[in-house]
């Protein structure tokens, strides 16, 4: 499962601080059990996309730790989340669709 989000830097924020906050967010995500990878990508000089690969143990339905909340707020101090979506693998989607036929 992937949690895909996009973050747009706020006016007046430091691009270096923004990049460091995104990197720290990913490092924190990877420190959580069930998260297999977390990376960020620059879409343009003011927007990053963060992709967290997990087994269902990350996202809005999971209670975050204090360190995770700090990473979220550090990123949110410098940017605005413009998109946050869970994406599921095709196999899992197919498996769930098959439940309709049963």
PDB file of N, CA and C in Angstrom:
ATOM      1  N   UNK A   1       0.846  -1.162   0.000  1.00  0.00           N
ATOM      2  CA  UNK A   1       0.000   0.000   0.000  1.00  0.00           C
ATOM      3  C   UNK A   1       0.895   1.230   0.000  1.00  0.00           C
ATOM      4  N   UNK A   2       0.447   2.280  -0.669  1.00  0.00           N
ATOM      5  CA  UNK A   2       1.200   3.528  -0.691  1.00  0.00           C
ATOM      6  C   UNK A   2       0.348   4.651  -0.113  1.00  0.00           C
ATOM      7  N   UNK A   3       0.991   5.551   0.609  1.00  0.00           N
ATOM      8  CA  UNK A   3       0.361   6.795   1.017  1.00  0.00           C
ATOM      9  C   UNK A   3       1.106   7.879   0.249  1.00  0.00           C
ATOM     10  N   UNK A   4       0.402   8.554  -0.651  1.00  0.00           N
ATOM     11  CA  UNK A   4       1.017   9.542  -1.534  1.00  0.00           C
ATOM     12  C   UNK A   4       0.492  10.920  -1.148  1.00  0.00           C
ATOM     13  N   UNK A   5       1.413  11.840  -0.870  1.00  0.00           N
ATOM     14  CA  UNK A   5       1.000  13.197  -0.527  1.00  0.00           C
ATOM     15  C   UNK A   5       1.867  14.206  -1.264  1.00  0.00           C
ATOM     16  N   UNK A   6       1.299  15.382  -1.492  1.00  0.00           N
ATOM     17  CA  UNK A   6       2.036  16.489  -2.104  1.00  0.00           C
ATOM     18  C   UNK A   6       2.011  17.667  -1.145  1.00  0.00           C
ATOM     19  N   UNK A   7       3.145  18.340  -1.045  1.00  0.00           N
ATOM     20  CA  UNK A   7       3.321  19.450  -0.117  1.00  0.00           C
ATOM     21  C   UNK A   7       3.876  20.650  -0.871  1.00  0.00           C
ATOM     22  N   UNK A   8       3.203  21.791  -0.750  1.00  0.00           N
ATOM     23  CA  UNK A   8       3.639  23.022  -1.420  1.00  0.00           C
ATOM     24  C   UNK A   8       4.231  23.977  -0.392  1.00  0.00           C
ATOM     25  N   UNK A   9       5.437  24.433  -0.671  1.00  0.00           N
ATOM     26  CA  UNK A   9       6.156  25.314   0.242  1.00  0.00           C
ATOM     27  C   UNK A   9       5.399  26.624   0.426  1.00  0.00           C
ATOM     28  N   UNK A  10       5.330  27.097   1.666  1.00  0.00           N
ATOM     29  CA  UNK A  10       4.683  28.363   1.968  1.00  0.00           C
ATOM     30  C   UNK A  10       5.581  29.520   1.550  1.00  0.00           C
ATOM     31  N   UNK A  11       4.957  30.612   1.172  1.00  0.00           N
ATOM     32  CA  UNK A  11       5.694  31.811   0.792  1.00  0.00           C
ATOM     33  C   UNK A  11       6.581  32.266   1.944  1.00  0.00           C
ATOM     34  N   UNK A  12       7.822  32.540   1.651  1.00  0.00           N
ATOM     35  CA  UNK A  12       8.758  32.998   2.677  1.00  0.00           C
ATOM     36  C   UNK A  12       9.502  31.895   3.398  1.00  0.00           C
ATOM     37  N   UNK A  13       9.112  30.641   3.160  1.00  0.00           N
ATOM     38  CA  UNK A  13       9.807  29.519   3.805  1.00  0.00           C
ATOM     39  C   UNK A  13      11.151  29.287   3.121  1.00  0.00           C
ATOM     40  N   UNK A  14      12.079  28.747   3.853  1.00  0.00           N
ATOM     41  CA  UNK A  14      13.390  28.400   3.307  1.00  0.00           C
ATOM     42  C   UNK A  14      13.286  27.074   2.556  1.00  0.00           C
ATOM     43  N   UNK A  15      13.770  27.067   1.310  1.00  0.00           N
ATOM     44  CA  UNK A  15      13.728  25.838   0.519  1.00  0.00           C
ATOM     45  C   UNK A  15      14.599  24.759   1.170  1.00  0.00           C
ATOM     46  N   UNK A  16      15.722  25.152   1.737  1.00  0.00           N
ATOM     47  CA  UNK A  16      16.582  24.184   2.426  1.00  0.00           C
ATOM     48  C   UNK A  16      15.853  23.568   3.616  1.00  0.00           C
ATOM     49  N   UNK A  17      15.201  24.403   4.426  1.00  0.00           N
ATOM     50  CA  UNK A  17      14.461  23.893   5.586  1.00  0.00           C
ATOM     51  C   UNK A  17      13.303  22.991   5.148  1.00  0.00           C
ATOM     52  N   UNK A  18      12.662  23.367   4.055  1.00  0.00           N
ATOM     53  CA  UNK A  18      11.562  22.571   3.511  1.00  0.00           C
ATOM     54  C   UNK A  18      12.063  21.187   3.101  1.00  0.00           C
ATOM     55  N   UNK A  19      13.177  21.132   2.382  1.00  0.00           N
ATOM     56  CA  UNK A  19      13.749  19.854   1.970  1.00  0.00           C
ATOM     57  C   UNK A  19      14.172  19.005   3.151  1.00  0.00           C
ATOM     58  N   UNK A  20      14.758  19.652   4.166  1.00  0.00           N
ATOM     59  CA  UNK A  20      15.181  18.921   5.366  1.00  0.00           C
ATOM     60  C   UNK A  20      13.970  18.378   6.113  1.00  0.00           C
ATOM     61  N   UNK A  21      12.895  19.168   6.188  1.00  0.00           N
ATOM     62  CA  UNK A  21      11.674  18.700   6.861  1.00  0.00           C
ATOM     63  C   UNK A  21      11.073  17.507   6.127  1.00  0.00           C
ATOM     64  N   UNK A  22      11.090  17.541   4.787  1.00  0.00           N
ATOM     65  CA  UNK A  22      10.576  16.404   4.010  1.00  0.00           C
ATOM     66  C   UNK A  22      11.451  15.165   4.229  1.00  0.00           C
ATOM     67  N   UNK A  23      12.761  15.364   4.252  1.00  0.00           N
ATOM     68  CA  UNK A  23      13.677  14.248   4.501  1.00  0.00           C
ATOM     69  C   UNK A  23      13.462  13.663   5.897  1.00  0.00           C
ATOM     70  N   UNK A  24      13.333  14.521   6.902  1.00  0.00           N
ATOM     71  CA  UNK A  24      13.096  14.048   8.269  1.00  0.00           C
ATOM     72  C   UNK A  24      11.753  13.327   8.389  1.00  0.00           C
ATOM     73  N   UNK A  25      10.752  13.810   7.669  1.00  0.00           N
ATOM     74  CA  UNK A  25       9.449  13.144   7.649  1.00  0.00           C
ATOM     75  C   UNK A  25       9.619  11.708   7.135  1.00  0.00           C
ATOM     76  N   UNK A  26      10.368  11.559   6.042  1.00  0.00           N
ATOM     77  CA  UNK A  26      10.582  10.228   5.462  1.00  0.00           C
ATOM     78  C   UNK A  26      11.393   9.338   6.407  1.00  0.00           C
ATOM     79  N   UNK A  27      12.412   9.898   7.026  1.00  0.00           N
ATOM     80  CA  UNK A  27      13.207   9.120   7.989  1.00  0.00           C
ATOM     81  C   UNK A  27      12.329   8.637   9.134  1.00  0.00           C
ATOM     82  N   UNK A  28      11.459   9.528   9.620  1.00  0.00           N
ATOM     83  CA  UNK A  28      10.560   9.133  10.704  1.00  0.00           C
ATOM     84  C   UNK A  28       9.615   8.038  10.246  1.00  0.00           C
ATOM     85  N   UNK A  29       9.041   8.192   9.055  1.00  0.00           N
ATOM     86  CA  UNK A  29       8.112   7.178   8.547  1.00  0.00           C
ATOM     87  C   UNK A  29       8.800   5.813   8.490  1.00  0.00           C
ATOM     88  N   UNK A  30      10.037   5.787   7.977  1.00  0.00           N
ATOM     89  CA  UNK A  30      10.772   4.520   7.851  1.00  0.00           C
ATOM     90  C   UNK A  30      11.095   3.891   9.200  1.00  0.00           C
ATOM     91  N   UNK A  31      11.083   4.677  10.254  1.00  0.00           N
ATOM     92  CA  UNK A  31      11.377   4.132  11.584  1.00  0.00           C
ATOM     93  C   UNK A  31      10.163   3.433  12.198  1.00  0.00           C
ATOM     94  N   UNK A  32       9.002   3.553  11.556  1.00  0.00           N
ATOM     95  CA  UNK A  32       7.773   2.927  12.056  1.00  0.00           C
ATOM     96  C   UNK A  32       7.656   1.495  11.551  1.00  0.00           C
ATOM     97  N   UNK A  33       7.250   0.608  12.437  1.00  0.00           N
ATOM     98  CA  UNK A  33       7.031  -0.792  12.084  1.00  0.00           C
ATOM     99  C   UNK A  33       5.978  -0.881  10.984  1.00  0.00           C
ATOM    100  N   UNK A  34       6.237  -1.683   9.977  1.00  0.00           N
ATOM    101  CA  UNK A  34       5.291  -1.865   8.884  1.00  0.00           C
ATOM    102  C   UNK A  34       5.518  -0.947   7.702  1.00  0.00           C
ATOM    103  N   UNK A  35       6.413   0.037   7.859  1.00  0.00           N
ATOM    104  CA  UNK A  35       6.757   0.925   6.743  1.00  0.00           C
ATOM    105  C   UNK A  35       8.022   0.372   6.099  1.00  0.00           C
ATOM    106  N   UNK A  36       7.928   0.025   4.819  1.00  0.00           N
ATOM    107  CA  UNK A  36       9.082  -0.563   4.137  1.00  0.00           C
ATOM    108  C   UNK A  36       9.921   0.476   3.406  1.00  0.00           C
ATOM    109  N   UNK A  37       9.330   1.634   3.061  1.00  0.00           N
ATOM    110  CA  UNK A  37      10.096   2.676   2.385  1.00  0.00           C
ATOM    111  C   UNK A  37       9.344   3.994   2.462  1.00  0.00           C
ATOM    112  N   UNK A  38      10.090   5.068   2.419  1.00  0.00           N
ATOM    113  CA  UNK A  38       9.511   6.410   2.384  1.00  0.00           C
ATOM    114  C   UNK A  38      10.520   7.318   1.686  1.00  0.00           C
ATOM    115  N   UNK A  39      10.062   7.988   0.647  1.00  0.00           N
ATOM    116  CA  UNK A  39      10.933   8.877  -0.130  1.00  0.00           C
ATOM    117  C   UNK A  39      10.154  10.125  -0.505  1.00  0.00           C
ATOM    118  N   UNK A  40      10.915  11.200  -0.768  1.00  0.00           N
ATOM    119  CA  UNK A  40      10.267  12.374  -1.317  1.00  0.00           C
ATOM    120  C   UNK A  40      10.933  12.742  -2.630  1.00  0.00           C
ATOM    121  N   UNK A  41      10.147  13.393  -3.501  1.00  0.00           N
ATOM    122  CA  UNK A  41      10.589  13.780  -4.832  1.00  0.00           C
ATOM    123  C   UNK A  41      10.190  15.236  -5.067  1.00  0.00           C
ATOM    124  N   UNK A  42      11.072  15.984  -5.687  1.00  0.00           N
ATOM    125  CA  UNK A  42      10.753  17.373  -6.030  1.00  0.00           C
ATOM    126  C   UNK A  42       9.952  17.388  -7.324  1.00  0.00           C
ATOM    127  N   UNK A  43       8.738  17.943  -7.282  1.00  0.00           N
ATOM    128  CA  UNK A  43       7.951  18.123  -8.500  1.00  0.00           C
ATOM    129  C   UNK A  43       8.415  19.379  -9.219  1.00  0.00           C
ATOM    130  N   UNK A  44       8.693  20.402  -8.441  1.00  0.00           N
ATOM    131  CA  UNK A  44       9.266  21.654  -8.924  1.00  0.00           C
ATOM    132  C   UNK A  44       9.941  22.299  -7.715  1.00  0.00           C
ATOM    133  N   UNK A  45      10.546  23.472  -7.833  1.00  0.00           N
ATOM    134  CA  UNK A  45      11.275  24.033  -6.687  1.00  0.00           C
ATOM    135  C   UNK A  45      10.426  24.320  -5.447  1.00  0.00           C
ATOM    136  N   UNK A  46       9.105  24.283  -5.578  1.00  0.00           N
ATOM    137  CA  UNK A  46       8.235  24.619  -4.451  1.00  0.00           C
ATOM    138  C   UNK A  46       7.320  23.490  -3.993  1.00  0.00           C
ATOM    139  N   UNK A  47       7.399  22.332  -4.630  1.00  0.00           N
ATOM    140  CA  UNK A  47       6.479  21.230  -4.313  1.00  0.00           C
ATOM    141  C   UNK A  47       7.255  19.920  -4.213  1.00  0.00           C
ATOM    142  N   UNK A  48       6.961  19.165  -3.149  1.00  0.00           N
ATOM    143  CA  UNK A  48       7.494  17.805  -3.039  1.00  0.00           C
ATOM    144  C   UNK A  48       6.332  16.822  -2.957  1.00  0.00           C
ATOM    145  N   UNK A  49       6.584  15.631  -3.459  1.00  0.00           N
ATOM    146  CA  UNK A  49       5.662  14.511  -3.294  1.00  0.00           C
ATOM    147  C   UNK A  49       6.347  13.528  -2.355  1.00  0.00           C
ATOM    148  N   UNK A  50       5.598  13.028  -1.385  1.00  0.00           N
ATOM    149  CA  UNK A  50       6.122  12.042  -0.439  1.00  0.00           C
ATOM    150  C   UNK A  50       5.354  10.744  -0.650  1.00  0.00           C
ATOM    151  N   UNK A  51       6.101   9.654  -0.812  1.00  0.00           N
ATOM    152  CA  UNK A  51       5.490   8.343  -1.012  1.00  0.00           C
ATOM    153  C   UNK A  51       5.973   7.419   0.099  1.00  0.00           C
ATOM    154  N   UNK A  52       5.013   6.936   0.890  1.00  0.00           N
ATOM    155  CA  UNK A  52       5.317   6.026   1.992  1.00  0.00           C
ATOM    156  C   UNK A  52       4.727   4.663   1.631  1.00  0.00           C
ATOM    157  N   UNK A  53       5.598   3.654   1.552  1.00  0.00           N
ATOM    158  CA  UNK A  53       5.155   2.288   1.260  1.00  0.00           C
ATOM    159  C   UNK A  53       5.007   1.541   2.578  1.00  0.00           C
ATOM    160  N   UNK A  54       3.828   0.951   2.797  1.00  0.00           N
ATOM    161  CA  UNK A  54       3.547   0.337   4.099  1.00  0.00           C
ATOM    162  C   UNK A  54       2.577  -0.830   3.950  1.00  0.00           C
ATOM    163  N   UNK A  55       2.388  -1.526   5.058  1.00  0.00           N
ATOM    164  CA  UNK A  55       1.515  -2.704   5.076  1.00  0.00           C
ATOM    165  C   UNK A  55       0.139  -2.406   5.678  1.00  0.00           C
ATOM    166  N   UNK A  56      -0.233  -1.139   5.713  1.00  0.00           N
ATOM    167  CA  UNK A  56      -1.487  -0.721   6.346  1.00  0.00           C
ATOM    168  C   UNK A  56      -1.259  -0.069   7.691  1.00  0.00           C
ATOM    169  N   UNK A  57       0.013   0.037   8.092  1.00  0.00           N
ATOM    170  CA  UNK A  57       0.352   0.566   9.412  1.00  0.00           C
ATOM    171  C   UNK A  57       0.733   2.048   9.369  1.00  0.00           C
ATOM    172  N   UNK A  58       0.334   2.767   8.331  1.00  0.00           N
ATOM    173  CA  UNK A  58       0.636   4.183   8.198  1.00  0.00           C
ATOM    174  C   UNK A  58      -0.583   4.864   7.602  1.00  0.00           C
ATOM    175  N   UNK A  59      -0.792   6.118   7.914  1.00  0.00           N
ATOM    176  CA  UNK A  59      -1.890   6.864   7.308  1.00  0.00           C
ATOM    177  C   UNK A  59      -2.872   7.374   8.337  1.00  0.00           C
ATOM    178  N   UNK A  60      -3.963   7.943   7.864  1.00  0.00           N
ATOM    179  CA  UNK A  60      -4.912   8.608   8.761  1.00  0.00           C
ATOM    180  C   UNK A  60      -5.631   7.693   9.738  1.00  0.00           C
ATOM    181  N   UNK A  61      -5.658   6.386   9.486  1.00  0.00           N
ATOM    182  CA  UNK A  61      -6.356   5.465  10.384  1.00  0.00           C
ATOM    183  C   UNK A  61      -5.453   4.875  11.460  1.00  0.00           C
ATOM    184  N   UNK A  62      -4.204   5.339  11.513  1.00  0.00           N
ATOM    185  CA  UNK A  62      -3.234   4.807  12.470  1.00  0.00           C
ATOM    186  C   UNK A  62      -2.847   5.913  13.450  1.00  0.00           C
ATOM    187  N   UNK A  63      -2.860   5.593  14.725  1.00  0.00           N
ATOM    188  CA  UNK A  63      -2.493   6.575  15.753  1.00  0.00           C
ATOM    189  C   UNK A  63      -0.990   6.866  15.666  1.00  0.00           C
ATOM    190  N   UNK A  64      -0.599   8.121  15.382  1.00  0.00           N
ATOM    191  CA  UNK A  64       0.824   8.442  15.245  1.00  0.00           C
ATOM    192  C   UNK A  64       1.515   8.614  16.593  1.00  0.00           C
ATOM    193  N   UNK A  65       2.815   8.364  16.574  1.00  0.00           N
ATOM    194  CA  UNK A  65       3.627   8.605  17.777  1.00  0.00           C
ATOM    195  C   UNK A  65       3.900  10.104  17.911  1.00  0.00           C
ATOM    196  N   UNK A  66       4.462  10.477  19.044  1.00  0.00           N
ATOM    197  CA  UNK A  66       4.840  11.875  19.251  1.00  0.00           C
ATOM    198  C   UNK A  66       5.879  12.332  18.238  1.00  0.00           C
ATOM    199  N   UNK A  67       6.842  11.460  17.928  1.00  0.00           N
ATOM    200  CA  UNK A  67       7.882  11.811  16.948  1.00  0.00           C
ATOM    201  C   UNK A  67       7.289  11.978  15.548  1.00  0.00           C
ATOM    202  N   UNK A  68       6.318  11.138  15.215  1.00  0.00           N
ATOM    203  CA  UNK A  68       5.664  11.256  13.914  1.00  0.00           C
ATOM    204  C   UNK A  68       4.890  12.567  13.839  1.00  0.00           C
ATOM    205  N   UNK A  69       4.191  12.923  14.908  1.00  0.00           N
ATOM    206  CA  UNK A  69       3.458  14.193  14.917  1.00  0.00           C
ATOM    207  C   UNK A  69       4.417  15.375  14.789  1.00  0.00           C
ATOM    208  N   UNK A  70       5.576  15.301  15.432  1.00  0.00           N
ATOM    209  CA  UNK A  70       6.565  16.369  15.307  1.00  0.00           C
ATOM    210  C   UNK A  70       7.019  16.494  13.857  1.00  0.00           C
ATOM    211  N   UNK A  71       7.277  15.366  13.199  1.00  0.00           N
ATOM    212  CA  UNK A  71       7.694  15.395  11.796  1.00  0.00           C
ATOM    213  C   UNK A  71       6.604  16.009  10.913  1.00  0.00           C
ATOM    214  N   UNK A  72       5.332  15.647  11.174  1.00  0.00           N
ATOM    215  CA  UNK A  72       4.213  16.240  10.438  1.00  0.00           C
ATOM    216  C   UNK A  72       4.168  17.748  10.648  1.00  0.00           C
ATOM    217  N   UNK A  73       4.229  18.188  11.888  1.00  0.00           N
ATOM    218  CA  UNK A  73       4.108  19.615  12.184  1.00  0.00           C
ATOM    219  C   UNK A  73       5.311  20.413  11.683  1.00  0.00           C
ATOM    220  N   UNK A  74       6.508  19.831  11.753  1.00  0.00           N
ATOM    221  CA  UNK A  74       7.682  20.521  11.200  1.00  0.00           C
ATOM    222  C   UNK A  74       7.500  20.754   9.703  1.00  0.00           C
ATOM    223  N   UNK A  75       6.971  19.755   9.002  1.00  0.00           N
ATOM    224  CA  UNK A  75       6.708  19.909   7.575  1.00  0.00           C
ATOM    225  C   UNK A  75       5.574  20.903   7.332  1.00  0.00           C
ATOM    226  N   UNK A  76       4.529  20.832   8.152  1.00  0.00           N
ATOM    227  CA  UNK A  76       3.373  21.716   7.986  1.00  0.00           C
ATOM    228  C   UNK A  76       3.685  23.168   8.337  1.00  0.00           C
ATOM    229  N   UNK A  77       4.685  23.395   9.171  1.00  0.00           N
ATOM    230  CA  UNK A  77       5.088  24.779   9.463  1.00  0.00           C
ATOM    231  C   UNK A  77       5.646  25.461   8.218  1.00  0.00           C
ATOM    232  N   UNK A  78       6.188  24.673   7.298  1.00  0.00           N
ATOM    233  CA  UNK A  78       6.866  25.225   6.121  1.00  0.00           C
ATOM    234  C   UNK A  78       6.090  25.037   4.825  1.00  0.00           C
ATOM    235  N   UNK A  79       5.042  24.211   4.870  1.00  0.00           N
ATOM    236  CA  UNK A  79       4.329  23.884   3.634  1.00  0.00           C
ATOM    237  C   UNK A  79       2.875  23.533   3.926  1.00  0.00           C
ATOM    238  N   UNK A  80       2.120  23.412   2.844  1.00  0.00           N
ATOM    239  CA  UNK A  80       0.713  23.036   2.929  1.00  0.00           C
ATOM    240  C   UNK A  80       0.513  21.729   2.181  1.00  0.00           C
ATOM    241  N   UNK A  81      -0.165  20.786   2.814  1.00  0.00           N
ATOM    242  CA  UNK A  81      -0.471  19.523   2.153  1.00  0.00           C
ATOM    243  C   UNK A  81      -1.608  19.769   1.162  1.00  0.00           C
ATOM    244  N   UNK A  82      -1.344  19.547  -0.129  1.00  0.00           N
ATOM    245  CA  UNK A  82      -2.352  19.786  -1.163  1.00  0.00           C
ATOM    246  C   UNK A  82      -3.004  18.499  -1.653  1.00  0.00           C
ATOM    247  N   UNK A  83      -2.434  17.354  -1.264  1.00  0.00           N
ATOM    248  CA  UNK A  83      -2.995  16.059  -1.652  1.00  0.00           C
ATOM    249  C   UNK A  83      -2.484  15.008  -0.682  1.00  0.00           C
ATOM    250  N   UNK A  84      -3.351  14.109  -0.266  1.00  0.00           N
ATOM    251  CA  UNK A  84      -2.954  13.000   0.603  1.00  0.00           C
ATOM    252  C   UNK A  84      -3.894  11.836   0.312  1.00  0.00           C
ATOM    253  N   UNK A  85      -3.373  10.809  -0.369  1.00  0.00           N
ATOM    254  CA  UNK A  85      -4.217   9.717  -0.839  1.00  0.00           C
ATOM    255  C   UNK A  85      -3.593   8.354  -0.545  1.00  0.00           C
ATOM    256  N   UNK A  86      -4.410   7.389  -0.125  1.00  0.00           N
ATOM    257  CA  UNK A  86      -3.924   6.004  -0.050  1.00  0.00           C
ATOM    258  C   UNK A  86      -4.088   5.355  -1.422  1.00  0.00           C
ATOM    259  N   UNK A  87      -3.064   4.674  -1.874  1.00  0.00           N
ATOM    260  CA  UNK A  87      -3.116   3.926  -3.134  1.00  0.00           C
ATOM    261  C   UNK A  87      -2.890   2.460  -2.807  1.00  0.00           C
ATOM    262  N   UNK A  88      -3.729   1.577  -3.366  1.00  0.00           N
ATOM    263  CA  UNK A  88      -3.562   0.148  -3.099  1.00  0.00           C
ATOM    264  C   UNK A  88      -3.047  -0.553  -4.351  1.00  0.00           C
ATOM    265  N   UNK A  89      -2.365  -1.663  -4.131  1.00  0.00           N
ATOM    266  CA  UNK A  89      -1.821  -2.450  -5.238  1.00  0.00           C
ATOM    267  C   UNK A  89      -2.955  -3.083  -6.026  1.00  0.00           C
ATOM    268  N   UNK A  90      -2.705  -3.329  -7.288  1.00  0.00           N
ATOM    269  CA  UNK A  90      -3.721  -3.908  -8.160  1.00  0.00           C
ATOM    270  C   UNK A  90      -4.230  -5.246  -7.626  1.00  0.00           C
ATOM    271  N   UNK A  91      -3.324  -6.080  -7.104  1.00  0.00           N
ATOM    272  CA  UNK A  91      -3.725  -7.395  -6.582  1.00  0.00           C
ATOM    273  C   UNK A  91      -4.697  -7.280  -5.417  1.00  0.00           C
ATOM    274  N   UNK A  92      -4.437  -6.339  -4.524  1.00  0.00           N
ATOM    275  CA  UNK A  92      -5.338  -6.137  -3.386  1.00  0.00           C
ATOM    276  C   UNK A  92      -6.681  -5.582  -3.858  1.00  0.00           C
ATOM    277  N   UNK A  93      -6.632  -4.667  -4.816  1.00  0.00           N
ATOM    278  CA  UNK A  93      -7.881  -4.142  -5.374  1.00  0.00           C
ATOM    279  C   UNK A  93      -8.711  -5.233  -6.016  1.00  0.00           C
ATOM    280  N   UNK A  94      -8.049  -6.124  -6.754  1.00  0.00           N
ATOM    281  CA  UNK A  94      -8.740  -7.241  -7.395  1.00  0.00           C
ATOM    282  C   UNK A  94      -9.340  -8.176  -6.346  1.00  0.00           C
ATOM    283  N   UNK A  95      -8.560  -8.458  -5.301  1.00  0.00           N
ATOM    284  CA  UNK A  95      -9.034  -9.338  -4.224  1.00  0.00           C
ATOM    285  C   UNK A  95     -10.292  -8.746  -3.576  1.00  0.00           C
ATOM    286  N   UNK A  96     -10.277  -7.445  -3.354  1.00  0.00           N
ATOM    287  CA  UNK A  96     -11.449  -6.795  -2.741  1.00  0.00           C
ATOM    288  C   UNK A  96     -12.639  -6.805  -3.686  1.00  0.00           C
ATOM    289  N   UNK A  97     -12.389  -6.644  -4.966  1.00  0.00           N
ATOM    290  CA  UNK A  97     -13.476  -6.672  -5.955  1.00  0.00           C
ATOM    291  C   UNK A  97     -14.116  -8.064  -6.018  1.00  0.00           C
ATOM    292  N   UNK A  98     -13.290  -9.096  -5.838  1.00  0.00           N
ATOM    293  CA  UNK A  98     -13.814 -10.457  -5.887  1.00  0.00           C
ATOM    294  C   UNK A  98     -14.796 -10.728  -4.739  1.00  0.00           C
ATOM    295  N   UNK A  99     -14.682  -9.982  -3.653  1.00  0.00           N
ATOM    296  CA  UNK A  99     -15.616 -10.157  -2.532  1.00  0.00           C
ATOM    297  C   UNK A  99     -17.043  -9.801  -2.945  1.00  0.00           C
ATOM    298  N   UNK A 100     -17.200  -8.941  -3.920  1.00  0.00           N
ATOM    299  CA  UNK A 100     -18.524  -8.553  -4.408  1.00  0.00           C
ATOM    300  C   UNK A 100     -19.214  -9.750  -5.037  1.00  0.00           C
ATOM    301  N   UNK A 101     -18.442 -10.548  -5.777  1.00  0.00           N
ATOM    302  CA  UNK A 101     -19.005 -11.712  -6.457  1.00  0.00           C
ATOM    303  C   UNK A 101     -19.350 -12.845  -5.518  1.00  0.00           C
ATOM    304  N   UNK A 102     -18.796 -12.851  -4.309  1.00  0.00           N
ATOM    305  CA  UNK A 102     -19.036 -13.961  -3.377  1.00  0.00           C
ATOM    306  C   UNK A 102     -20.348 -13.831  -2.650  1.00  0.00           C
TER     307      UNK A 102
END
